[in-house]
Amino acid sequence: MEWLKSIWTILGSIAAGVMLGLYQPELSLKLVPYGDLYLSFLKMCVIPIMVTAIVSSVGRLLMFPSATKILSRMIIVFISGMFIVSTLGVAVGMLAEPGGGIPASSRAVLGTVLQHNESVVSSVPADIENVGGGLMDFIFNLIPDNIFVALGQGDSLQILFFSVVMGAALGLLSARSGDHQFITMIDLLFKVFQKVIYWSMYMLPFGLLFIMAGQIAGTGPGLMVAMFKFTGLIHIIALIMMIASGIMIAVKLKLSFIESLRSLKESLTIAFGTQNSIATMPSVLDALRSRFKLDADSVNLVVPLGIVICRYSMVMIYSLGLIFIAQLYGVPLGLQELLIIWVGSVLTSIAGAGTPGIVAISMISLVAVPLQLPYSTGVILLMAVNSLINPIITASNIHINCAAAVLIANKSPETEGEADARRKVDGLGGQQPLPGYGVQ
């Protein structure tokens, strides 16, 4: 059954889902629950993987003096990456003008979309009030009142904070006592859930087929044409960032560009198909450790933090989306306004870490209100085309996070001979580790 995990099978499933969504929309919408079921199974395993990976890696890093270097590199790379994405979004928006020159027929389609979603428009201010005061609420919402409630609700930001605190306490305790048994046990749990993820990969083509068909059927061809320029520019920015990320990975690890892409093909395909960065985490962790030979502890810390907090995809949407709204309504943007968009897109994406769906997109108001832009209309249009841009921006988000991890993490101290010996002990016969069962 290995052919089910072939990249060609997976790409064929995505293509079949697109065709099914275009030509059989009613059937496609009936398949949506089955796609959601597969995605729920992935999420079931991702939270335990994130917790065990962060607790173990933070614990180990605090036992060694290299922790300060890792943390300083992490801050520099994460912040620089988000401002680079924001710069690209602002530059492309001003040069290509996605909100200008829209034909009358396309404007009519957009007006119809707004009329059909008046209830969502009216709910946006309420959602914004629930989000609150931006960065301050981001800090207050970090600490869960009850970690079990956070685990049950899948609040990734609060779970991440809890895991970092637990890992720090575990590392300091282990360093003083010299007893590493608890960390070893957490490593074992990490491998157990990775094995479950490995089994789920056999069902990936079917899950991607159902997810993609439902997404395409829910959009409709009219809106695709009306928002073609905006969605096209999002794809261009995403591809530019992916090319830049691939070049950084290739240069840093002394690989060819094609080889760097080939090593991440499974992770990028899962990201494109599921449109969920969190669900891609197990595959990313395995690729960085087993194929790029990066230090496991560094990777296990950097990747979850990057995926949850550094949402480059939202920076992309905020920066280009704000310019799109301004151009759509003829609002002039000077140097001061562009600076607000440039900085505000980054700060808003950080403040919205862990927020799902309409709340994340509606947080664009934190920047739009000071600029006096009609953000509620923009939220509706962004939500309407979300299924068109989600695949590529999720894949781009994962690729940029992989490049960030390569720049931050240390190379694994394990030599090829030691790795081969370890794989023989694990019963893998000296071959490359199976996906989802990366060498720890």
Protein backbone atom coordinates (compact mmCIF):
# COMPACT_ATOMS: atom_id res chain seq x y z
CA MET A 1 0.00 0.00 0.00
CA GLU A 2 3.01 2.32 -0.19
CA TRP A 3 1.67 3.80 -3.43
CA LEU A 4 -0.94 5.62 -1.34
CA LYS A 5 1.86 7.78 0.10
CA SER A 6 3.36 8.54 -3.29
CA ILE A 7 3.60 12.23 -4.14
CA TRP A 8 1.89 11.52 -7.48
CA THR A 9 -1.05 9.84 -5.76
CA ILE A 10 -1.41 12.81 -3.40
CA LEU A 11 -1.20 15.40 -6.20
CA GLY A 12 -3.70 13.37 -8.22
CA SER A 13 -6.11 13.42 -5.28
CA ILE A 14 -5.82 17.20 -4.99
CA ALA A 15 -6.45 17.62 -8.74
CA ALA A 16 -9.43 15.25 -8.56
CA GLY A 17 -10.84 17.23 -5.65
CA VAL A 18 -10.60 20.48 -7.63
CA MET A 19 -12.39 18.94 -10.62
CA LEU A 20 -15.04 17.38 -8.40
CA GLY A 21 -15.66 20.72 -6.67
CA LEU A 22 -16.06 22.53 -10.01
CA TYR A 23 -18.31 20.02 -11.81
CA GLN A 24 -20.11 18.22 -8.94
CA PRO A 25 -20.58 20.90 -6.25
CA GLU A 26 -23.54 19.19 -4.55
CA LEU A 27 -21.68 15.89 -4.14
CA SER A 28 -18.57 17.77 -3.02
CA LEU A 29 -20.41 19.55 -0.22
CA LYS A 30 -21.69 16.18 1.02
CA LEU A 31 -18.07 14.97 1.27
CA VAL A 32 -17.01 17.87 3.52
CA PRO A 33 -17.74 16.03 6.83
CA TYR A 34 -15.45 13.17 5.79
CA GLY A 35 -12.62 15.61 5.08
CA ASP A 36 -13.21 17.26 8.44
CA LEU A 37 -13.13 13.84 10.09
CA TYR A 38 -9.67 13.13 8.69
CA LEU A 39 -8.45 16.57 9.72
CA SER A 40 -9.79 16.00 13.24
CA PHE A 41 -7.82 12.75 13.45
CA LEU A 42 -4.63 14.59 12.54
CA LYS A 43 -5.33 17.31 15.11
CA MET A 44 -5.93 14.62 17.74
CA CYS A 45 -2.30 13.54 17.44
CA VAL A 46 -0.76 16.96 16.80
CA ILE A 47 -1.48 18.43 20.24
CA PRO A 48 0.30 15.58 22.11
CA ILE A 49 3.19 15.82 19.64
CA MET A 50 3.47 19.58 20.19
CA VAL A 51 3.38 19.23 23.99
CA THR A 52 5.93 16.41 24.20
CA ALA A 53 8.22 18.03 21.60
CA ILE A 54 8.32 21.40 23.37
CA VAL A 55 8.59 20.03 26.92
CA SER A 56 11.42 17.69 25.92
CA SER A 57 13.32 20.21 23.80
CA VAL A 58 13.05 23.11 26.27
CA GLY A 59 14.10 20.77 29.08
CA ARG A 60 17.17 19.59 27.19
CA LEU A 61 18.17 23.04 25.93
CA LEU A 62 18.15 24.55 29.44
CA MET A 63 20.59 21.84 30.53
CA PHE A 64 23.22 23.20 28.12
CA PRO A 65 24.79 26.67 27.70
CA SER A 66 23.77 26.86 24.01
CA ALA A 67 20.16 27.72 24.99
CA THR A 68 20.81 31.49 24.99
CA LYS A 69 22.21 31.38 21.45
CA ILE A 70 19.19 29.42 20.18
CA LEU A 71 16.73 31.84 21.79
CA SER A 72 18.51 34.96 20.46
CA ARG A 73 18.67 33.52 16.93
CA MET A 74 15.01 32.60 17.18
CA ILE A 75 13.93 36.16 18.01
CA ILE A 76 16.04 37.70 15.24
CA VAL A 77 14.98 35.23 12.53
CA PHE A 78 11.27 35.22 13.44
CA ILE A 79 10.90 39.00 13.57
CA SER A 80 13.02 39.58 10.45
CA GLY A 81 11.02 36.99 8.50
CA MET A 82 7.67 38.56 9.31
CA PHE A 83 8.84 42.07 8.38
CA ILE A 84 10.25 40.75 5.08
CA VAL A 85 6.86 39.19 4.24
CA SER A 86 5.09 42.44 5.19
CA THR A 87 7.48 44.44 3.01
CA LEU A 88 6.79 42.17 0.06
CA GLY A 89 3.02 42.42 0.58
CA VAL A 90 3.08 46.23 0.71
CA ALA A 91 5.41 46.52 -2.29
CA VAL A 92 3.41 44.15 -4.49
CA GLY A 93 0.14 45.80 -3.45
CA MET A 94 1.34 49.29 -4.38
CA LEU A 95 2.88 48.19 -7.67
CA ALA A 96 0.14 45.83 -8.91
CA GLU A 97 -2.89 47.67 -7.43
CA PRO A 98 -5.21 44.68 -6.78
CA GLY A 99 -8.12 46.92 -5.77
CA GLY A 100 -7.90 49.27 -8.75
CA GLY A 101 -9.38 48.92 -12.21
CA ILE A 102 -11.91 46.20 -11.26
CA PRO A 103 -14.49 45.78 -14.08
CA ALA A 104 -18.15 46.61 -13.43
CA SER A 105 -19.17 42.95 -13.79
CA SER A 106 -16.70 41.93 -11.09
CA ARG A 107 -17.87 44.73 -8.80
CA ALA A 108 -21.44 43.44 -9.24
CA VAL A 109 -20.32 39.97 -8.13
CA LEU A 110 -18.57 41.44 -5.09
CA GLY A 111 -21.71 43.40 -4.21
CA THR A 112 -23.77 40.21 -4.37
CA VAL A 113 -21.32 38.48 -2.05
CA LEU A 114 -21.62 41.32 0.46
CA GLN A 115 -25.42 41.26 0.34
CA HIS A 116 -25.50 37.50 0.97
CA ASN A 117 -23.21 37.90 3.98
CA GLU A 118 -24.78 40.87 5.76
CA SER A 119 -25.12 38.81 8.94
CA VAL A 120 -21.39 38.19 8.97
CA VAL A 121 -20.67 41.87 8.35
CA SER A 122 -22.79 42.85 11.34
CA SER A 123 -21.02 40.27 13.54
CA VAL A 124 -17.52 41.53 12.82
CA PRO A 125 -17.49 44.34 15.41
CA ALA A 126 -18.64 41.86 18.08
CA ASP A 127 -15.81 39.54 17.16
CA ILE A 128 -13.37 42.42 17.39
CA GLU A 129 -14.61 43.30 20.86
CA ASN A 130 -14.07 39.71 21.91
CA VAL A 131 -10.53 39.84 20.58
CA GLY A 132 -9.90 42.97 22.61
CA GLY A 133 -6.88 45.18 22.85
CA GLY A 134 -4.48 43.49 20.48
CA LEU A 135 -1.04 42.88 21.93
CA MET A 136 -2.12 43.27 25.56
CA ASP A 137 -4.79 40.60 25.13
CA PHE A 138 -2.18 38.43 23.43
CA ILE A 139 -0.15 38.55 26.65
CA PHE A 140 -3.15 38.01 28.95
CA ASN A 141 -4.48 35.13 26.85
CA LEU A 142 -1.18 33.28 27.03
CA ILE A 143 -1.89 31.88 30.50
CA PRO A 144 -4.71 29.30 30.66
CA ASP A 145 -7.11 29.30 33.60
CA ASN A 146 -7.32 25.53 33.26
CA ILE A 147 -4.82 23.63 31.12
CA PHE A 148 -7.26 20.73 30.65
CA VAL A 149 -9.85 23.11 29.22
CA ALA A 150 -7.19 24.53 26.89
CA LEU A 151 -6.25 21.00 25.79
CA GLY A 152 -9.90 20.12 25.21
CA GLN A 153 -10.53 23.25 23.14
CA GLY A 154 -7.25 22.92 21.23
CA ASP A 155 -6.07 26.41 22.22
CA SER A 156 -2.60 26.08 20.69
CA LEU A 157 -1.26 29.35 22.14
CA GLN A 158 -2.09 28.49 25.75
CA ILE A 159 -0.91 24.90 25.28
CA LEU A 160 2.37 26.21 23.89
CA PHE A 161 2.90 28.52 26.89
CA PHE A 162 2.14 25.70 29.33
CA SER A 163 4.57 23.39 27.50
CA VAL A 164 7.39 25.96 27.60
CA VAL A 165 6.90 26.50 31.34
CA MET A 166 6.81 22.75 32.01
CA GLY A 167 9.88 22.19 29.86
CA ALA A 168 11.81 24.93 31.66
CA ALA A 169 10.93 23.48 35.07
CA LEU A 170 11.82 19.99 33.89
CA GLY A 171 15.16 21.11 32.47
CA LEU A 172 16.22 22.93 35.64
CA LEU A 173 15.13 19.99 37.81
CA SER A 174 16.93 17.44 35.65
CA ALA A 175 20.11 19.56 35.52
CA ARG A 176 20.27 19.69 39.32
CA SER A 177 19.38 16.05 40.00
CA GLY A 178 21.15 14.52 36.99
CA ASP A 179 18.09 12.30 36.40
CA HIS A 180 16.85 12.34 32.78
CA GLN A 181 14.29 9.55 33.03
CA PHE A 182 11.26 11.82 32.76
CA ILE A 183 12.60 13.45 29.59
CA THR A 184 13.24 9.98 28.15
CA MET A 185 9.63 9.00 28.89
CA ILE A 186 8.34 12.14 27.15
CA ASP A 187 10.52 11.29 24.14
CA LEU A 188 8.86 7.85 24.02
CA LEU A 189 5.37 9.42 24.01
CA PHE A 190 6.52 11.71 21.22
CA LYS A 191 7.53 8.70 19.08
CA VAL A 192 4.27 6.89 19.86
CA PHE A 193 2.12 9.69 18.44
CA GLN A 194 4.46 10.10 15.47
CA LYS A 195 3.84 6.45 14.69
CA VAL A 196 0.08 7.08 14.71
CA ILE A 197 0.60 9.98 12.30
CA TYR A 198 2.64 7.64 10.08
CA TRP A 199 -0.32 5.26 9.89
CA SER A 200 -2.68 8.12 9.01
CA MET A 201 -0.62 8.97 5.92
CA TYR A 202 -2.18 5.99 4.12
CA MET A 203 -5.53 7.82 4.24
CA LEU A 204 -4.05 11.18 3.17
CA PRO A 205 -5.12 11.01 -0.52
CA PHE A 206 -8.77 10.43 0.45
CA GLY A 207 -8.70 13.18 3.07
CA LEU A 208 -7.21 15.67 0.61
CA LEU A 209 -9.78 14.72 -2.05
CA PHE A 210 -12.71 15.43 0.29
CA ILE A 211 -11.21 18.64 1.71
CA MET A 212 -10.29 20.15 -1.66
CA ALA A 213 -13.62 19.27 -3.29
CA GLY A 214 -15.57 20.96 -0.50
CA GLN A 215 -13.39 24.08 -0.56
CA ILE A 216 -13.75 24.60 -4.32
CA ALA A 217 -17.51 23.87 -4.32
CA GLY A 218 -18.10 26.44 -1.59
CA THR A 219 -16.42 29.25 -3.51
CA GLY A 220 -18.05 29.30 -6.92
CA PRO A 221 -16.53 30.39 -10.27
CA GLY A 222 -18.02 33.92 -10.24
CA LEU A 223 -16.14 35.02 -7.14
CA MET A 224 -12.96 33.36 -8.44
CA VAL A 225 -13.07 35.61 -11.51
CA ALA A 226 -14.01 38.77 -9.58
CA MET A 227 -11.14 38.38 -7.10
CA PHE A 228 -8.69 36.95 -9.63
CA LYS A 229 -6.18 39.80 -9.36
CA PHE A 230 -6.06 39.76 -5.55
CA THR A 231 -5.83 35.98 -5.27
CA GLY A 232 -3.28 35.89 -8.07
CA LEU A 233 -1.03 38.36 -6.24
CA ILE A 234 -1.32 36.31 -3.04
CA HIS A 235 -0.11 33.29 -5.00
CA ILE A 236 2.76 35.30 -6.47
CA ILE A 237 3.91 36.54 -3.05
CA ALA A 238 3.63 33.04 -1.62
CA LEU A 239 5.68 31.54 -4.47
CA ILE A 240 8.34 34.24 -4.15
CA MET A 241 8.68 33.51 -0.43
CA MET A 242 8.84 29.77 -1.09
CA ILE A 243 11.59 30.23 -3.67
CA ALA A 244 13.52 32.47 -1.27
CA SER A 245 13.03 29.93 1.54
CA GLY A 246 14.21 27.09 -0.69
CA ILE A 247 17.33 29.04 -1.65
CA MET A 248 18.12 29.81 2.02
CA ILE A 249 17.73 26.14 2.95
CA ALA A 250 19.88 25.01 0.02
CA VAL A 251 22.66 27.51 0.78
CA LYS A 252 22.66 26.90 4.53
CA LEU A 253 22.73 23.10 4.23
CA LYS A 254 24.81 23.03 1.03
CA LEU A 255 22.15 21.22 -0.96
CA SER A 256 20.70 21.79 -4.40
CA PHE A 257 17.45 23.73 -4.59
CA ILE A 258 15.64 20.69 -6.02
CA GLU A 259 16.96 18.45 -3.29
CA SER A 260 15.75 20.83 -0.58
CA LEU A 261 12.26 20.83 -2.13
CA ARG A 262 12.27 17.05 -2.52
CA SER A 263 13.02 16.61 1.18
CA LEU A 264 10.02 18.77 2.10
CA LYS A 265 7.60 17.54 -0.57
CA GLU A 266 5.48 15.53 1.87
CA SER A 267 5.19 18.43 4.34
CA LEU A 268 4.34 20.97 1.64
CA THR A 269 1.78 18.67 0.03
CA ILE A 270 0.04 18.03 3.36
CA ALA A 271 0.02 21.79 4.04
CA PHE A 272 -1.43 22.53 0.59
CA GLY A 273 -4.12 19.86 0.88
CA THR A 274 -5.21 20.16 4.52
CA GLN A 275 -4.75 23.96 4.66
CA ASN A 276 -3.79 23.56 8.30
CA SER A 277 -0.29 24.43 9.50
CA ILE A 278 -0.70 22.63 12.83
CA ALA A 279 -1.60 19.36 11.09
CA THR A 280 1.64 19.56 9.11
CA MET A 281 3.84 19.76 12.21
CA PRO A 282 4.69 16.03 12.59
CA SER A 283 5.85 15.76 8.98
CA VAL A 284 7.93 18.96 9.29
CA LEU A 285 9.63 17.75 12.47
CA ASP A 286 10.53 14.46 10.82
CA ALA A 287 11.86 16.09 7.64
CA LEU A 288 14.10 18.56 9.48
CA ARG A 289 15.54 15.90 11.78
CA SER A 290 15.89 12.88 9.52
CA ARG A 291 16.52 14.47 6.12
CA PHE A 292 18.24 17.77 6.99
CA LYS A 293 20.08 16.26 10.00
CA LEU A 294 19.23 19.14 12.32
CA ASP A 295 19.49 18.82 16.08
CA ALA A 296 16.27 17.23 17.35
CA ASP A 297 15.96 19.35 20.49
CA SER A 298 16.40 22.61 18.60
CA VAL A 299 13.91 21.60 15.91
CA ASN A 300 11.33 20.37 18.43
CA LEU A 301 11.37 23.82 20.04
CA VAL A 302 11.67 26.09 17.01
CA VAL A 303 9.04 24.48 14.74
CA PRO A 304 6.04 24.52 17.13
CA LEU A 305 6.85 28.07 18.27
CA GLY A 306 7.22 29.25 14.69
CA ILE A 307 4.03 27.61 13.42
CA VAL A 308 1.86 28.89 16.29
CA ILE A 309 3.27 32.40 16.77
CA CYS A 310 4.90 33.40 13.46
CA ARG A 311 2.01 33.21 11.05
CA TYR A 312 3.67 34.57 7.93
CA SER A 313 0.52 33.74 5.97
CA MET A 314 -1.55 36.18 8.04
CA VAL A 315 1.10 38.91 7.62
CA MET A 316 0.72 38.33 3.89
CA ILE A 317 -3.09 38.63 4.01
CA TYR A 318 -3.09 41.68 6.30
CA SER A 319 -0.52 43.70 4.32
CA LEU A 320 -1.93 43.05 0.85
CA GLY A 321 -5.55 42.98 2.09
CA LEU A 322 -5.34 46.44 3.65
CA ILE A 323 -3.95 47.93 0.45
CA PHE A 324 -6.64 46.10 -1.55
CA ILE A 325 -9.41 47.59 0.62
CA ALA A 326 -7.93 51.09 0.36
CA GLN A 327 -7.68 50.89 -3.43
CA LEU A 328 -11.16 49.35 -3.75
CA TYR A 329 -12.67 52.42 -2.00
CA GLY A 330 -10.25 54.99 -3.41
CA VAL A 331 -8.60 55.85 -0.10
CA PRO A 332 -5.14 57.41 -0.74
CA LEU A 333 -2.19 55.89 1.09
CA GLY A 334 0.82 58.06 1.91
CA LEU A 335 4.15 57.12 3.45
CA GLN A 336 2.75 57.30 6.99
CA GLU A 337 -0.20 55.03 6.14
CA LEU A 338 2.08 52.51 4.44
CA LEU A 339 4.32 52.48 7.51
CA ILE A 340 1.28 51.74 9.70
CA ILE A 341 0.32 48.86 7.40
CA TRP A 342 3.89 47.53 7.34
CA VAL A 343 4.33 47.46 11.12
CA GLY A 344 0.68 46.83 11.99
CA SER A 345 0.45 43.69 9.85
CA VAL A 346 3.28 42.07 11.82
CA LEU A 347 1.99 43.13 15.25
CA THR A 348 -1.57 42.06 14.43
CA SER A 349 -0.46 38.62 13.25
CA ILE A 350 1.42 38.11 16.52
CA ALA A 351 -1.52 39.38 18.57
CA GLY A 352 -3.85 36.98 16.74
CA ALA A 353 -1.68 33.90 17.32
CA GLY A 354 -3.91 30.93 18.09
CA THR A 355 -7.15 32.61 16.99
CA PRO A 356 -9.16 30.69 14.37
CA GLY A 357 -11.32 31.53 11.37
CA ILE A 358 -13.20 34.79 11.17
CA VAL A 359 -11.64 36.14 14.38
CA ALA A 360 -8.14 35.97 12.87
CA ILE A 361 -9.20 37.66 9.63
CA SER A 362 -11.41 40.21 11.39
CA MET A 363 -8.41 41.36 13.43
CA ILE A 364 -7.42 43.30 10.33
CA SER A 365 -9.58 46.03 11.91
CA LEU A 366 -6.78 46.74 14.42
CA VAL A 367 -4.92 48.36 11.53
CA ALA A 368 -7.86 49.34 9.31
CA VAL A 369 -9.64 51.48 11.93
CA PRO A 370 -6.72 53.92 12.44
CA LEU A 371 -6.52 54.23 8.65
CA GLN A 372 -10.30 54.85 8.45
CA LEU A 373 -10.84 51.93 6.08
CA PRO A 374 -14.19 50.03 5.83
CA TYR A 375 -12.73 46.86 7.31
CA SER A 376 -16.05 44.96 7.63
CA THR A 377 -16.41 44.80 3.85
CA GLY A 378 -12.82 43.68 3.53
CA VAL A 379 -13.36 40.92 6.09
CA ILE A 380 -16.26 39.50 4.06
CA LEU A 381 -14.28 39.49 0.83
CA LEU A 382 -11.24 37.95 2.50
CA MET A 383 -13.41 35.26 4.09
CA ALA A 384 -15.09 34.59 0.74
CA VAL A 385 -11.79 33.90 -1.06
CA ASN A 386 -10.19 32.17 1.91
CA SER A 387 -10.58 28.73 0.32
CA LEU A 388 -8.83 29.96 -2.84
CA ILE A 389 -5.75 31.33 -1.10
CA ASN A 390 -5.54 29.02 1.90
CA PRO A 391 -3.71 26.14 0.17
CA ILE A 392 -0.82 28.22 -1.16
CA ILE A 393 -0.41 30.48 1.89
CA THR A 394 -0.40 27.45 4.22
CA ALA A 395 2.27 25.76 2.11
CA SER A 396 4.23 29.00 2.03
CA ASN A 397 3.86 29.42 5.79
CA ILE A 398 5.28 25.94 6.37
CA HIS A 399 8.15 26.46 3.94
CA ILE A 400 9.17 29.75 5.55
CA ASN A 401 9.02 28.12 8.99
CA CYS A 402 11.26 25.32 7.71
CA ALA A 403 13.76 27.89 6.43
CA ALA A 404 13.63 29.70 9.79
CA ALA A 405 14.29 26.42 11.61
CA VAL A 406 17.28 25.72 9.36
CA LEU A 407 18.71 29.17 10.15
CA ILE A 408 18.11 28.81 13.89
CA ALA A 409 18.70 25.15 14.76
CA ASN A 410 22.10 23.53 15.16
CA LYS A 411 23.28 20.64 13.04
CA SER A 412 22.82 17.26 14.69
CA PRO A 413 26.02 16.10 16.44
CA GLU A 414 25.24 12.56 15.36
CA THR A 415 27.48 11.31 12.55
CA GLU A 416 26.25 9.20 9.66
CA GLY A 417 27.80 6.07 11.18
CA GLU A 418 26.11 6.71 14.52
CA ALA A 419 22.80 7.36 12.80
CA ASP A 420 23.09 4.11 10.86
CA ALA A 421 23.90 2.19 14.03
CA ARG A 422 20.94 3.77 15.81
CA ARG A 423 18.59 2.82 12.97
CA LYS A 424 19.79 -0.79 13.18
CA VAL A 425 19.05 -0.80 16.89
CA ASP A 426 15.58 0.56 16.16
CA GLY A 427 15.05 -2.33 13.76
CA LEU A 428 15.14 -0.29 10.57
CA GLY A 429 18.02 -2.21 9.03
CA GLY A 430 20.26 0.77 8.40
CA GLN A 431 17.77 2.37 6.03
CA GLN A 432 16.42 5.88 6.23
CA PRO A 433 13.89 6.34 9.05
CA LEU A 434 10.26 5.95 8.11
CA PRO A 435 8.18 9.14 7.84
CA GLY A 436 6.72 9.91 11.23
CA TYR A 437 9.39 7.81 13.02
CA GLY A 438 12.30 10.21 12.86
CA VAL A 439 15.55 9.45 14.69
CA GLN A 440 15.48 11.22 18.03
